[in-house]
Amino acid sequence: MHFNAALRESHQALANHFLQLAAAREPLPVFAIEHNLDTSTIAEMKAAVSRQLEFDPDLASAGWSYSHLPLIVIASEVGYRYRGTGTDFWPIFAREVDADLAIVSRSELSRLFALAHQRFGIARPGDSPWELHFPHIAWAIGNAVVPLEIQASLADALRKAVRAGISSDNNESLLEYMRSVAAGHGSRRFESWLHQSELSVEVMRRLLDLNAGGWLSDSIIRRIDRDLRRDAQSGRAIREARRVSVRRSARLPEIPPSRFVLSLAGESPTQLLVRGPVISSDLRDEVIAALRIQGDVLRVAGMREGVSLRFFLAGGEIALGQVSAWPNSPLRRGDEAEAPSAAAGNLLEMLQPEEAEFFRLEPGERTAVALLPGDVIEADWQVLRALRVDEQGVPVLQRLDAFVNRDADLLRKNGYGIRDGRLAPKLLGLPMSGMPGQFAAGFPVLATSGYDGKLPVLNDTVHSTGRLRLASWDWAIFRPAAGTHVIGPEGAEDVERIHLQVLEAPDVEPAEITVHPRDATLTDLLDGTLEIRIKAPLALEAVAIRLRLTALGEPDIVSDGILERLPTYIAGRAPLLQALRTELTERRVVLQRAARLVVEARGFVPVRVTLRPAHRPFRFDRLSLNWTSEVDEGEKPVGSMTATLSAPFPSATAGFTQSDTTLLLPDSDSPAALASGLVVGGPKTIRPGEIEQTQVPFPRLLREPASRDGQLGLAEVARALLAWRLAEVLGPIADWQRRHVVNRLEAAVVEQLCGRCWQCVEAGVDLSLLSPYGAFRRSAEELGLLSGRDLPVVTQPHDIQFLRRRITTRLEEAVPNLSDALSEWDEQLGGDLDLAVIDAYEDLRSHLIAAGREPFEEVDMSRRPEAWRNALERAREMPLLPMFRQFILPEARWTALMSNPYEILTEDELIDLLDACHVDARRRSGPRWIGRAELRTMLQFWTSPRALLDADDWLGLLAKSLSDVQTARAVRYVALRRKLSRLDLPGEIAA
């Protein structure tokens, strides 16, 4: 059959090119993506391939065997754009060659790739599980060098490696560190790619230094770099990795300090803030890498919220609260951990704001920024001077005008220079948040001459690119690059010129609302795994928010609230979500349909997310009491497995008794079967204390994966725990009994993974009291502040619970912020806390009267203020779970885990935290025993079990923790802290 002449010519040109590459780099492979063709040539080649496929669609013909390289190149181009499972390769490939997908033989395309490998040295796939499972597309994706699927992971891992101090010159250390980061990095494709040692080392080394030579074609390295920079997040990561790698040195970067800022109402200060220095993007990267703060978050003493370190180092602000005495070194690491080195500690100390006496009043007169010795003051500035502090510690301010001789002399005596405003030019541009004379790069800077009429020039030599008439002034237009510049009249003295700095604007988080997981379901909302993240480039306060859940044919469910500060996360048992869950539980009909969640926050674009019912591949017919499977095509009956309170481990059975609380499961090996359970039956009524008396029998536990000799292994207990925990429950009594079984099974798994001693300590800790105010009440109880001769004795259990709830509420009303209470402690606050306890007892007294029961007499009490202060200090430590410190080794791991802000960390950041402080049980070269995949599985087992079931071999990954009890304890501690931070525990936290 006639074969297209243009196609034969393209094949021959590509053959010569690939043979030259193969000869130059033997025995290293050649990649089809290294074709070095421009886009127009590739377009012509696609047209030729498409025409030939119309006449000869059979790729097994002899013509294709001798002119196949253009087809190979086109397939590799599609492989380069591959973004992972779910983005089908074949439809895109068929569209590229304008052919019917049905006529493209996948096996014959692989044959042509193999032929190119034999003749021209084209790379062949490896033997990873993914490549063995997808053998045909593995050829095209393998010949793409670095497909888009893994580019983001590669950039992020490179940044982490450079921050960790790994040198790009040490290939073995870099590759080993990258593999440890890649383990469990989402898709296993990145991890498999790193096992191509020669290729991965070459790509990483060349990406960190684009000017370095190597065996890969320069064109493909430049292309990968260009595509990385097109993605905002990947671009930030690779730029930082590159800059830090090139500029890394032993010296400590010199950075200016931050500055105090006063927020004003008239001339009265209302709030104190700290504004970061405005420094260049290169120096920002150096400082961030040197500080090595988990999550790159900075915060201030006494507050949990933080601000992006990158934003702060470009003039961003962080609020300290109400104006009071100047705090000493208020800035803290966001992870609250010890500095990893003395240099990092010194660097943070350099960032601390210095106490100031003079403040420049900014335009609008809403804020005033501190002036530091050596600052030059313009003649038209107005300055505020802090004369003294009043009885409340608030500064008393005096206004000064720099153009008034008396005020100017005062400023000069205090070390400030004053510029003659008549001579210096005026500047306009996009200002950075800092002192005047700092502008954002990429925008023009306008300058007008002084009163002498001389035309301004840039850096004494560069003239303006244009003129603009604005506000009766003639402005010269300059477009300076990033760096330090001088603008003034040509040949002028220094007093007639202005120094300015042009800086790259920071990469900050956009103001947006996101809902996680990405494909959230109604089950995620009910289980407490749904999370709403509200990002903002700066801290906003008192933001109104509304959650609205709508479903066809049902009234809307609305939950309103006020967010104290942004950015924030709404998750777990947060009141906003708890209100939706409570109403949803009462409307079971909604659970059978999709619903729409609308998140509206003041000043943000509303977000609308469709929450569909969780897909259940198994259905239970309550009439026939049979399961039906939809795992495979069609439906087929499946047997049942049951478990009860007295026999909690599922086993095959022919039926069940309605009078017993019973867990029904489909008898299937599919992981989805564990999430399809149904708890039915049980008593209609129950007496108080009956659930607590229910005994869940257990044989002896075995610290091994499988059960044997009548002893329970981890696999059987873990599967039973997930089945009970994820089951749908019909009726509140059955749910109470299910929770009892879940608690018993969870305690068994904790004992197997963390040891008997850990489990005993955890069983003795009432985690429901470890909310901030629950902890405050508990510490007050232990110190005897809530009982004594002057207070009545309460004996009835329900009265005790009522009183505890009221005391917690009253304490919260008296002390809205526990951190502020400690820093601003006085005896008056101790008296307020006495009154809070009195009010709580009065609430109980009114409750008894309303119930027609005999009340106690009105109470009065008084406690020493020092005792209340001690209770506050103890309450501050209780949510950190200090009782587990003795079990988490080494001490550095405990310090890292204890000091992090679990309120703001995502699951991926928790994995990073566990991985950063991990000490592997194997402790020798080679693959780690506990990698990131194992850490993710262990954490998801406790925090998000539905997501766990989607992982391959989750039981095998979890079982590896049996031989590393220290890591198992660390993960359990992180899971408990995460639950506490999200109020995801029973009892008072949920109330």
Foldseek 3Di string as FASTA:
>chain_A
DDADPVLLVLQVLQLVVLQVLCVVDPPDFAFLLLSPDDPVVLLVLLQRLLVRCVVPLPLPDPVCLNRVSSLLSLLLVLLQQDADPPRDSQVVSCVSSVHDSVSHDLVSQVVSLVSCCVRRRHDAADPDPVCVVVVRSSSSNVSNLHHPNCLLVLLQLLLVCVLVVNALVPLVVSLVSSLQSQVVVPDCVNNVSSVVSVSVSVLSSCLLPVPDDDSDDSVSSVVSLVVLCVDPNSVVSSVLSNLCNVPPDPDQDDDAAWWKKFFDDPNFGFWIKIWFAADFPSVLSNLQSQQPFQVQWKAFPQDLDTAHVLLRNRGFMYTPGGAAADDDLGIARQLNFDGPDVSNVVSSVNHGHDDAFKWWQDPVSRMTIGDDAPEEAEQAIKMWGFPAADPRRTTDIDIDHCVDVVSVVVVVVVRYHYFDQQQAKDKDAAATNDDPQEHEAPIKMKIFGHPVRAAKAKQLPHFAPDWDQDPNTIIGIDRDGAAKIKIAGRPDDPSNIDIHGYHHNTDFDDFAKDKPPNQAAVLCLLLFVIKIWTAHNHKDAFKKKKKWKADPPDDIQIFIDTDGIPGFMATFLRVRSVSVNVVCVVVVVRLQAKIWIWMDIPPYDIDIHIHGRDDQQWDADPVVRWIWGNPDPDIDTFFKWKAFQQRLFTDGDDDDDQQTFMKIFTPDPALSRLLEIETGHHDPDDDPPPLVPRDHDADAADLAQCDDPRHHHLVRLLSSLSSLSNYHYDDDVSVSNSVSVNVVSVLRNCCSQQNPVVSVVVVVDPLLQLALLSLLLVLCVVLVNLDDPQDDDDDDPVLVQQLSLQLSVLVCVLPVRLSVCLVVPDVVSQVSNQVSSLVSLVVSQVVCVVVVHDGDDRTHDHDGSVSSSVSSVSSVCVLLVCVCCVRADDNSLSSSLSSHSLRPDDLVSVLVSLSVPDDAPVPDDDDGLQGSSLLSLLLCSLAPVVVNSVDPPSSVSPSSSSVVNNSSSSSVSNNSSNCSSNLNDDDPSSD
